[in-house]
Amino acid sequence: MPPAPIGRRGAVTRTGIAVGPVAPRWPAGSLARGWSVEVGEGHSGPVVSGGRVYVHARVGAEEVISAFDLADGRRVWMHKEAVAYTPTAAAAGHGSGPKATPLLHQGRLYAFGATGTLTCLDMATGRLVWRRDFTGRFPQAWPLYGAAQLPAADGITWSSMSAAAWAGR
């Protein structure tokens, strides 16, 4: 009999009960909020590296990628792009913000926007290195929830599951 599969929270038992390591209990009052900042709408998670926090969100009609100082929350740089995206009725509950968390790799930040645009920025300055728009290049599936694949990198090659799927690979 093959071994039981292992999930991110331990053995997968299909019972709805997580078996494995238990999260530590923090003593009351031991964690204090250092800073807080409004970043906008989206499901993209923050990424921390080199004393900075990188965030990809939607503010109004723009997708905004920002770098914040980890110590005090001060915005170091911000990159904005006007992005026309309205989710379908089936996807409206998911919002119109970006879904994918940025990738940090070899001094570059790669962010995949809700419309399928991959943006590459310099991590230090926020300067645009390049941008590739996949909108309209591949067939869309219903319902359109927006692009949500995380970019991946190996050396100087980037990849995205959605780009490969859209291309029929």
N, C-alpha and C. Protein backbone atom coordinates (compact mmCIF):
# COMPACT_ATOMS: atom_id res chain seq x y z
N MET A 1 0.85 -1.18 0.00
CA MET A 1 0.00 0.00 0.00
C MET A 1 0.89 1.24 0.00
N PRO A 2 0.62 2.22 -0.87
CA PRO A 2 1.47 3.42 -0.92
C PRO A 2 1.31 4.24 0.36
N PRO A 3 2.33 5.03 0.68
CA PRO A 3 2.23 5.87 1.89
C PRO A 3 1.15 6.93 1.72
N ALA A 4 0.61 7.39 2.84
CA ALA A 4 -0.43 8.42 2.82
C ALA A 4 0.15 9.72 2.28
N PRO A 5 -0.61 10.47 1.49
CA PRO A 5 -0.10 11.75 0.99
C PRO A 5 0.12 12.74 2.13
N ILE A 6 1.10 13.61 1.94
CA ILE A 6 1.41 14.64 2.94
C ILE A 6 0.97 15.98 2.38
N GLY A 7 0.19 16.71 3.14
CA GLY A 7 -0.25 18.04 2.73
C GLY A 7 0.55 19.09 3.47
N ARG A 8 0.23 20.35 3.23
CA ARG A 8 0.99 21.42 3.87
C ARG A 8 0.77 21.48 5.37
N ARG A 9 -0.28 20.80 5.87
CA ARG A 9 -0.54 20.79 7.31
C ARG A 9 -0.39 19.39 7.90
N GLY A 10 0.32 18.52 7.25
CA GLY A 10 0.52 17.17 7.77
C GLY A 10 -0.13 16.14 6.88
N ALA A 11 -0.40 14.95 7.45
CA ALA A 11 -0.98 13.86 6.68
C ALA A 11 -2.37 14.24 6.18
N VAL A 12 -2.65 13.88 4.94
CA VAL A 12 -3.96 14.14 4.35
C VAL A 12 -4.86 12.96 4.68
N THR A 13 -5.88 13.16 5.49
CA THR A 13 -6.76 12.09 5.92
C THR A 13 -8.14 12.16 5.29
N ARG A 14 -8.46 13.26 4.63
CA ARG A 14 -9.76 13.49 3.99
C ARG A 14 -10.90 13.45 5.01
N THR A 15 -10.61 13.77 6.27
CA THR A 15 -11.63 13.79 7.32
C THR A 15 -12.01 15.20 7.72
N GLY A 16 -11.29 16.18 7.22
CA GLY A 16 -11.52 17.55 7.64
C GLY A 16 -10.75 17.91 8.89
N ILE A 17 -9.97 16.97 9.40
CA ILE A 17 -9.17 17.21 10.61
C ILE A 17 -7.70 17.21 10.22
N ALA A 18 -6.99 18.28 10.54
CA ALA A 18 -5.56 18.36 10.23
C ALA A 18 -4.78 17.57 11.27
N VAL A 19 -3.94 16.66 10.79
CA VAL A 19 -3.10 15.86 11.68
C VAL A 19 -1.67 16.31 11.42
N GLY A 20 -0.96 16.69 12.44
CA GLY A 20 0.42 17.10 12.24
C GLY A 20 0.78 18.22 13.17
N PRO A 21 1.75 19.03 12.79
CA PRO A 21 2.20 20.09 13.69
C PRO A 21 1.06 21.05 14.04
N VAL A 22 1.07 21.50 15.26
CA VAL A 22 0.08 22.46 15.73
C VAL A 22 0.75 23.82 15.83
N ALA A 23 0.05 24.85 15.36
CA ALA A 23 0.61 26.20 15.42
C ALA A 23 0.89 26.58 16.87
N PRO A 24 2.01 27.26 17.10
CA PRO A 24 2.32 27.66 18.49
C PRO A 24 1.32 28.68 19.01
N ARG A 25 1.12 28.67 20.27
CA ARG A 25 0.25 29.66 20.90
C ARG A 25 1.14 30.79 21.40
N TRP A 26 0.83 32.01 20.94
CA TRP A 26 1.61 33.17 21.34
C TRP A 26 1.09 33.68 22.67
N PRO A 27 1.98 34.01 23.58
CA PRO A 27 1.52 34.59 24.85
C PRO A 27 0.78 35.91 24.59
N ALA A 28 -0.32 36.11 25.31
CA ALA A 28 -1.12 37.33 25.15
C ALA A 28 -0.24 38.56 25.30
N GLY A 29 -0.40 39.51 24.38
CA GLY A 29 0.35 40.75 24.45
C GLY A 29 1.78 40.67 23.94
N SER A 30 2.21 39.49 23.45
CA SER A 30 3.60 39.37 23.01
C SER A 30 3.82 39.90 21.60
N LEU A 31 2.77 40.00 20.82
CA LEU A 31 2.89 40.54 19.47
C LEU A 31 2.24 41.91 19.42
N ALA A 32 2.96 42.86 18.87
CA ALA A 32 2.42 44.22 18.76
C ALA A 32 2.52 44.66 17.30
N ARG A 33 1.50 45.35 16.82
CA ARG A 33 1.52 45.86 15.45
C ARG A 33 2.58 46.96 15.36
N GLY A 34 3.51 46.80 14.43
CA GLY A 34 4.55 47.80 14.23
C GLY A 34 4.08 48.95 13.37
N TRP A 35 3.30 48.65 12.33
CA TRP A 35 2.76 49.66 11.44
C TRP A 35 1.67 49.03 10.60
N SER A 36 0.89 49.88 9.98
CA SER A 36 -0.21 49.45 9.14
C SER A 36 -0.36 50.48 8.02
N VAL A 37 -0.70 49.99 6.82
CA VAL A 37 -0.85 50.89 5.69
C VAL A 37 -1.94 50.34 4.76
N GLU A 38 -2.76 51.23 4.19
CA GLU A 38 -3.75 50.83 3.20
C GLU A 38 -3.04 50.59 1.87
N VAL A 39 -3.34 49.46 1.24
CA VAL A 39 -2.67 49.16 -0.02
C VAL A 39 -3.64 49.03 -1.19
N GLY A 40 -4.92 48.80 -0.95
CA GLY A 40 -5.88 48.64 -2.02
C GLY A 40 -6.54 47.28 -1.99
N GLU A 41 -7.16 46.92 -3.12
CA GLU A 41 -7.96 45.70 -3.24
C GLU A 41 -7.18 44.61 -3.95
N GLY A 42 -7.42 43.37 -3.57
CA GLY A 42 -6.82 42.23 -4.26
C GLY A 42 -6.57 41.06 -3.33
N HIS A 43 -6.16 39.96 -3.92
CA HIS A 43 -5.85 38.74 -3.18
C HIS A 43 -4.36 38.46 -3.14
N SER A 44 -3.58 39.28 -3.77
CA SER A 44 -2.13 39.11 -3.81
C SER A 44 -1.55 39.26 -2.41
N GLY A 45 -0.67 38.36 -2.03
CA GLY A 45 -0.06 38.43 -0.71
C GLY A 45 1.19 39.29 -0.72
N PRO A 46 1.58 39.81 0.44
CA PRO A 46 2.82 40.59 0.52
C PRO A 46 4.03 39.66 0.45
N VAL A 47 5.14 40.19 -0.04
CA VAL A 47 6.39 39.44 -0.11
C VAL A 47 7.45 40.27 0.60
N VAL A 48 8.20 39.63 1.50
CA VAL A 48 9.20 40.34 2.29
C VAL A 48 10.60 39.87 1.89
N SER A 49 11.48 40.83 1.62
CA SER A 49 12.86 40.51 1.28
C SER A 49 13.73 41.75 1.46
N GLY A 50 14.91 41.58 2.03
CA GLY A 50 15.88 42.65 2.12
C GLY A 50 15.38 43.90 2.84
N GLY A 51 14.59 43.73 3.87
CA GLY A 51 14.12 44.89 4.62
C GLY A 51 12.98 45.64 3.97
N ARG A 52 12.35 45.03 2.95
CA ARG A 52 11.22 45.66 2.27
C ARG A 52 10.04 44.71 2.19
N VAL A 53 8.85 45.30 2.10
CA VAL A 53 7.62 44.55 1.88
C VAL A 53 7.08 44.99 0.52
N TYR A 54 6.87 44.03 -0.38
CA TYR A 54 6.37 44.32 -1.72
C TYR A 54 4.91 43.88 -1.81
N VAL A 55 4.06 44.75 -2.35
CA VAL A 55 2.62 44.51 -2.42
C VAL A 55 2.09 44.87 -3.80
N HIS A 56 1.17 44.06 -4.31
CA HIS A 56 0.51 44.31 -5.60
C HIS A 56 -0.99 44.40 -5.32
N ALA A 57 -1.63 45.51 -5.65
CA ALA A 57 -3.04 45.72 -5.35
C ALA A 57 -3.68 46.59 -6.42
N ARG A 58 -5.00 46.74 -6.32
CA ARG A 58 -5.73 47.63 -7.21
C ARG A 58 -6.22 48.81 -6.40
N VAL A 59 -6.00 50.02 -6.94
CA VAL A 59 -6.50 51.26 -6.34
C VAL A 59 -7.23 52.00 -7.46
N GLY A 60 -8.56 52.06 -7.35
CA GLY A 60 -9.35 52.69 -8.40
C GLY A 60 -9.21 51.92 -9.69
N ALA A 61 -8.81 52.60 -10.76
CA ALA A 61 -8.66 51.98 -12.07
C ALA A 61 -7.22 51.55 -12.36
N GLU A 62 -6.37 51.52 -11.33
CA GLU A 62 -4.95 51.19 -11.54
C GLU A 62 -4.52 49.99 -10.70
N GLU A 63 -3.62 49.19 -11.27
CA GLU A 63 -2.91 48.19 -10.48
C GLU A 63 -1.64 48.86 -9.99
N VAL A 64 -1.40 48.74 -8.70
CA VAL A 64 -0.29 49.45 -8.05
C VAL A 64 0.63 48.43 -7.40
N ILE A 65 1.90 48.52 -7.71
CA ILE A 65 2.93 47.69 -7.07
C ILE A 65 3.76 48.64 -6.22
N SER A 66 3.90 48.30 -4.94
CA SER A 66 4.60 49.19 -4.01
C SER A 66 5.65 48.43 -3.22
N ALA A 67 6.67 49.17 -2.81
CA ALA A 67 7.68 48.65 -1.88
C ALA A 67 7.62 49.53 -0.63
N PHE A 68 7.52 48.87 0.53
CA PHE A 68 7.48 49.57 1.81
C PHE A 68 8.68 49.17 2.64
N ASP A 69 9.16 50.10 3.45
CA ASP A 69 10.24 49.80 4.38
C ASP A 69 9.68 48.90 5.48
N LEU A 70 10.32 47.76 5.72
CA LEU A 70 9.84 46.80 6.70
C LEU A 70 9.85 47.37 8.12
N ALA A 71 10.81 48.23 8.42
CA ALA A 71 10.96 48.75 9.78
C ALA A 71 9.86 49.74 10.17
N ASP A 72 9.44 50.60 9.22
CA ASP A 72 8.51 51.67 9.61
C ASP A 72 7.29 51.82 8.70
N GLY A 73 7.19 51.02 7.63
CA GLY A 73 6.03 51.09 6.74
C GLY A 73 6.05 52.24 5.75
N ARG A 74 7.15 52.97 5.69
CA ARG A 74 7.27 54.09 4.75
C ARG A 74 7.33 53.54 3.32
N ARG A 75 6.53 54.16 2.42
CA ARG A 75 6.57 53.73 1.02
C ARG A 75 7.89 54.16 0.41
N VAL A 76 8.62 53.21 -0.16
CA VAL A 76 9.92 53.46 -0.78
C VAL A 76 9.73 53.84 -2.25
N TRP A 77 8.89 53.10 -2.95
CA TRP A 77 8.54 53.42 -4.33
C TRP A 77 7.17 52.83 -4.67
N MET A 78 6.60 53.33 -5.79
CA MET A 78 5.30 52.88 -6.24
C MET A 78 5.28 52.90 -7.76
N HIS A 79 4.75 51.84 -8.35
CA HIS A 79 4.59 51.74 -9.80
C HIS A 79 3.10 51.57 -10.09
N LYS A 80 2.53 52.42 -10.96
CA LYS A 80 1.10 52.36 -11.29
C LYS A 80 0.90 52.12 -12.77
N GLU A 81 -0.10 51.31 -13.07
CA GLU A 81 -0.52 51.08 -14.47
C GLU A 81 -2.04 51.12 -14.51
N ALA A 82 -2.60 51.87 -15.43
CA ALA A 82 -4.05 51.86 -15.64
C ALA A 82 -4.42 50.50 -16.22
N VAL A 83 -5.37 49.83 -15.57
CA VAL A 83 -5.79 48.50 -16.00
C VAL A 83 -7.31 48.45 -16.05
N ALA A 84 -7.86 48.25 -17.25
CA ALA A 84 -9.31 48.14 -17.41
C ALA A 84 -9.70 46.69 -17.16
N TYR A 85 -10.33 46.42 -16.03
CA TYR A 85 -10.78 45.07 -15.69
C TYR A 85 -12.05 45.14 -14.86
N THR A 86 -13.08 44.51 -15.34
CA THR A 86 -14.33 44.39 -14.60
C THR A 86 -14.66 42.91 -14.55
N PRO A 87 -14.75 42.33 -13.36
CA PRO A 87 -15.06 40.90 -13.28
C PRO A 87 -16.48 40.62 -13.77
N THR A 88 -16.71 39.42 -14.27
CA THR A 88 -18.04 39.00 -14.69
C THR A 88 -18.94 38.91 -13.46
N ALA A 89 -20.24 38.79 -13.67
CA ALA A 89 -21.18 38.68 -12.55
C ALA A 89 -20.83 37.50 -11.65
N ALA A 90 -20.41 36.38 -12.24
CA ALA A 90 -20.05 35.20 -11.46
C ALA A 90 -18.80 35.42 -10.61
N ALA A 91 -17.94 36.32 -11.05
CA ALA A 91 -16.68 36.56 -10.35
C ALA A 91 -16.68 37.83 -9.52
N ALA A 92 -17.78 38.57 -9.52
CA ALA A 92 -17.82 39.88 -8.85
C ALA A 92 -17.45 39.79 -7.38
N GLY A 93 -17.80 38.69 -6.72
CA GLY A 93 -17.47 38.54 -5.31
C GLY A 93 -15.98 38.43 -5.05
N HIS A 94 -15.21 38.15 -6.06
CA HIS A 94 -13.76 38.03 -5.93
C HIS A 94 -13.06 39.38 -6.06
N GLY A 95 -13.78 40.40 -6.48
CA GLY A 95 -13.20 41.72 -6.63
C GLY A 95 -12.41 41.87 -7.91
N SER A 96 -11.89 43.07 -8.14
CA SER A 96 -11.18 43.35 -9.39
C SER A 96 -9.68 43.54 -9.19
N GLY A 97 -9.20 43.24 -8.00
CA GLY A 97 -7.77 43.39 -7.74
C GLY A 97 -6.96 42.21 -8.24
N PRO A 98 -5.64 42.34 -8.27
CA PRO A 98 -4.79 41.24 -8.71
C PRO A 98 -4.92 40.04 -7.77
N LYS A 99 -4.75 38.86 -8.32
CA LYS A 99 -4.91 37.63 -7.55
C LYS A 99 -3.56 36.98 -7.21
N ALA A 100 -2.57 37.19 -8.03
CA ALA A 100 -1.28 36.49 -7.88
C ALA A 100 -0.28 37.29 -7.06
N THR A 101 0.42 36.61 -6.19
CA THR A 101 1.48 37.22 -5.38
C THR A 101 2.73 37.41 -6.24
N PRO A 102 3.41 38.55 -6.15
CA PRO A 102 4.60 38.78 -6.97
C PRO A 102 5.73 37.79 -6.66
N LEU A 103 6.58 37.61 -7.63
CA LEU A 103 7.79 36.80 -7.50
C LEU A 103 8.99 37.75 -7.41
N LEU A 104 9.88 37.52 -6.46
CA LEU A 104 11.14 38.26 -6.37
C LEU A 104 12.24 37.31 -6.81
N HIS A 105 13.04 37.74 -7.78
CA HIS A 105 14.08 36.85 -8.32
C HIS A 105 15.21 37.68 -8.90
N GLN A 106 16.41 37.48 -8.38
CA GLN A 106 17.63 38.12 -8.88
C GLN A 106 17.46 39.63 -9.08
N GLY A 107 16.94 40.30 -8.06
CA GLY A 107 16.82 41.75 -8.09
C GLY A 107 15.65 42.29 -8.88
N ARG A 108 14.79 41.40 -9.35
CA ARG A 108 13.62 41.81 -10.13
C ARG A 108 12.35 41.35 -9.43
N LEU A 109 11.28 42.12 -9.62
CA LEU A 109 9.96 41.76 -9.13
C LEU A 109 9.10 41.48 -10.35
N TYR A 110 8.43 40.32 -10.36
CA TYR A 110 7.55 39.93 -11.45
C TYR A 110 6.13 39.87 -10.88
N ALA A 111 5.21 40.63 -11.47
CA ALA A 111 3.83 40.67 -10.99
C ALA A 111 2.89 40.37 -12.15
N PHE A 112 1.96 39.44 -11.90
CA PHE A 112 1.00 39.02 -12.91
C PHE A 112 -0.33 39.64 -12.55
N GLY A 113 -0.81 40.58 -13.37
CA GLY A 113 -2.03 41.32 -13.08
C GLY A 113 -3.30 40.56 -13.41
N ALA A 114 -4.43 41.10 -12.99
CA ALA A 114 -5.73 40.45 -13.15
C ALA A 114 -6.11 40.22 -14.61
N THR A 115 -5.58 41.03 -15.53
CA THR A 115 -5.92 40.86 -16.95
C THR A 115 -4.94 39.97 -17.69
N GLY A 116 -3.92 39.49 -17.01
CA GLY A 116 -2.94 38.63 -17.67
C GLY A 116 -1.73 39.38 -18.17
N THR A 117 -1.42 40.51 -17.57
CA THR A 117 -0.23 41.27 -17.94
C THR A 117 0.88 40.97 -16.95
N LEU A 118 2.03 40.58 -17.46
CA LEU A 118 3.19 40.29 -16.61
C LEU A 118 4.11 41.50 -16.63
N THR A 119 4.39 42.04 -15.45
CA THR A 119 5.21 43.24 -15.31
C THR A 119 6.49 42.87 -14.58
N CYS A 120 7.63 43.35 -15.07
CA CYS A 120 8.93 43.14 -14.44
C CYS A 120 9.48 44.50 -14.00
N LEU A 121 9.75 44.63 -12.70
CA LEU A 121 10.29 45.87 -12.14
C LEU A 121 11.63 45.61 -11.46
N ASP A 122 12.45 46.64 -11.39
CA ASP A 122 13.67 46.60 -10.60
C ASP A 122 13.26 46.69 -9.12
N MET A 123 13.69 45.73 -8.29
CA MET A 123 13.27 45.71 -6.89
C MET A 123 13.78 46.93 -6.11
N ALA A 124 14.93 47.42 -6.45
CA ALA A 124 15.51 48.54 -5.70
C ALA A 124 14.82 49.86 -5.98
N THR A 125 14.44 50.09 -7.24
CA THR A 125 13.94 51.41 -7.63
C THR A 125 12.47 51.43 -8.06
N GLY A 126 11.91 50.26 -8.41
CA GLY A 126 10.56 50.22 -8.95
C GLY A 126 10.50 50.57 -10.42
N ARG A 127 11.65 50.78 -11.05
CA ARG A 127 11.71 51.13 -12.47
C ARG A 127 11.21 49.97 -13.32
N LEU A 128 10.37 50.29 -14.32
CA LEU A 128 9.86 49.28 -15.24
C LEU A 128 11.00 48.73 -16.09
N VAL A 129 11.18 47.41 -16.06
CA VAL A 129 12.18 46.74 -16.89
C VAL A 129 11.51 46.29 -18.19
N TRP A 130 10.38 45.60 -18.08
CA TRP A 130 9.58 45.24 -19.23
C TRP A 130 8.17 44.86 -18.79
N ARG A 131 7.27 44.80 -19.76
CA ARG A 131 5.87 44.47 -19.49
C ARG A 131 5.33 43.73 -20.70
N ARG A 132 4.66 42.59 -20.47
CA ARG A 132 4.07 41.80 -21.56
C ARG A 132 2.58 41.65 -21.29
N ASP A 133 1.77 42.07 -22.25
CA ASP A 133 0.32 42.01 -22.11
C ASP A 133 -0.20 40.82 -22.90
N PHE A 134 -0.80 39.84 -22.19
CA PHE A 134 -1.33 38.65 -22.85
C PHE A 134 -2.82 38.78 -23.15
N THR A 135 -3.42 39.93 -22.86
CA THR A 135 -4.85 40.14 -23.09
C THR A 135 -5.18 39.92 -24.55
N GLY A 136 -6.19 39.09 -24.80
CA GLY A 136 -6.64 38.85 -26.16
C GLY A 136 -5.80 37.89 -26.97
N ARG A 137 -4.68 37.44 -26.45
CA ARG A 137 -3.82 36.52 -27.21
C ARG A 137 -4.27 35.08 -27.11
N PHE A 138 -5.05 34.76 -26.07
CA PHE A 138 -5.47 33.38 -25.84
C PHE A 138 -6.95 33.35 -25.51
N PRO A 139 -7.63 32.24 -25.79
CA PRO A 139 -9.06 32.17 -25.51
C PRO A 139 -9.33 32.27 -24.00
N GLN A 140 -10.47 32.87 -23.67
CA GLN A 140 -10.84 33.01 -22.27
C GLN A 140 -11.87 31.96 -21.91
N ALA A 141 -11.77 31.46 -20.69
CA ALA A 141 -12.74 30.48 -20.19
C ALA A 141 -13.79 31.20 -19.35
N TRP A 142 -14.99 30.65 -19.30
CA TRP A 142 -16.07 31.23 -18.51
C TRP A 142 -16.16 30.47 -17.21
N PRO A 143 -16.41 31.10 -16.07
CA PRO A 143 -16.48 32.55 -15.89
C PRO A 143 -15.09 33.14 -15.78
N LEU A 144 -14.95 34.37 -16.21
CA LEU A 144 -13.66 35.03 -16.18
C LEU A 144 -13.42 35.63 -14.80
N TYR A 145 -12.59 34.97 -14.01
CA TYR A 145 -12.27 35.44 -12.66
C TYR A 145 -11.04 36.35 -12.66
N GLY A 146 -10.36 36.43 -13.77
CA GLY A 146 -9.11 37.19 -13.83
C GLY A 146 -7.94 36.24 -13.72
N ALA A 147 -6.80 36.64 -14.23
CA ALA A 147 -5.60 35.81 -14.18
C ALA A 147 -5.14 35.68 -12.73
N ALA A 148 -4.72 34.49 -12.35
CA ALA A 148 -4.34 34.28 -10.96
C ALA A 148 -3.10 33.42 -10.79
N GLN A 149 -2.38 33.14 -11.85
CA GLN A 149 -1.22 32.27 -11.75
C GLN A 149 0.00 33.03 -11.24
N LEU A 150 0.76 32.34 -10.40
CA LEU A 150 2.00 32.93 -9.88
C LEU A 150 3.10 32.76 -10.91
N PRO A 151 3.88 33.81 -11.14
CA PRO A 151 5.04 33.63 -12.02
C PRO A 151 6.08 32.76 -11.31
N ALA A 152 6.86 32.04 -12.10
CA ALA A 152 7.95 31.22 -11.57
C ALA A 152 9.19 31.51 -12.40
N ALA A 153 10.37 31.35 -11.82
CA ALA A 153 11.60 31.66 -12.53
C ALA A 153 12.65 30.58 -12.29
N ASP A 154 13.46 30.36 -13.29
CA ASP A 154 14.59 29.43 -13.19
C ASP A 154 15.71 30.07 -14.00
N GLY A 155 16.69 30.64 -13.32
CA GLY A 155 17.74 31.36 -14.02
C GLY A 155 17.16 32.63 -14.60
N ILE A 156 17.18 32.77 -15.92
CA ILE A 156 16.61 33.97 -16.55
C ILE A 156 15.32 33.66 -17.28
N THR A 157 14.78 32.45 -17.12
CA THR A 157 13.55 32.07 -17.79
C THR A 157 12.38 32.26 -16.84
N TRP A 158 11.33 32.91 -17.30
CA TRP A 158 10.12 33.05 -16.48
C TRP A 158 9.04 32.18 -17.08
N SER A 159 8.09 31.82 -16.25
CA SER A 159 7.00 30.98 -16.70
C SER A 159 5.75 31.31 -15.90
N SER A 160 4.63 30.97 -16.46
CA SER A 160 3.36 31.09 -15.76
C SER A 160 2.46 29.98 -16.26
N MET A 161 1.79 29.30 -15.34
CA MET A 161 0.90 28.22 -15.73
C MET A 161 -0.18 28.72 -16.69
N SER A 162 -0.69 29.92 -16.48
CA SER A 162 -1.76 30.40 -17.34
C SER A 162 -1.24 30.67 -18.75
N ALA A 163 -0.05 31.20 -18.86
CA ALA A 163 0.51 31.47 -20.20
C ALA A 163 0.68 30.14 -20.95
N ALA A 164 1.15 29.11 -20.24
CA ALA A 164 1.32 27.81 -20.87
C ALA A 164 -0.04 27.21 -21.22
N ALA A 165 -1.02 27.33 -20.33
CA ALA A 165 -2.35 26.78 -20.60
C ALA A 165 -3.01 27.52 -21.75
N TRP A 166 -2.88 28.86 -21.76
CA TRP A 166 -3.48 29.62 -22.84
C TRP A 166 -2.86 29.26 -24.18
N ALA A 167 -1.59 28.92 -24.17
CA ALA A 167 -0.90 28.58 -25.41
C ALA A 167 -1.15 27.12 -25.81
N GLY A 168 -1.89 26.36 -24.97
CA GLY A 168 -2.20 24.97 -25.29
C GLY A 168 -1.05 24.04 -25.01
N ARG A 169 -0.16 24.42 -24.09
CA ARG A 169 0.99 23.57 -23.78
C ARG A 169 0.72 22.71 -22.58
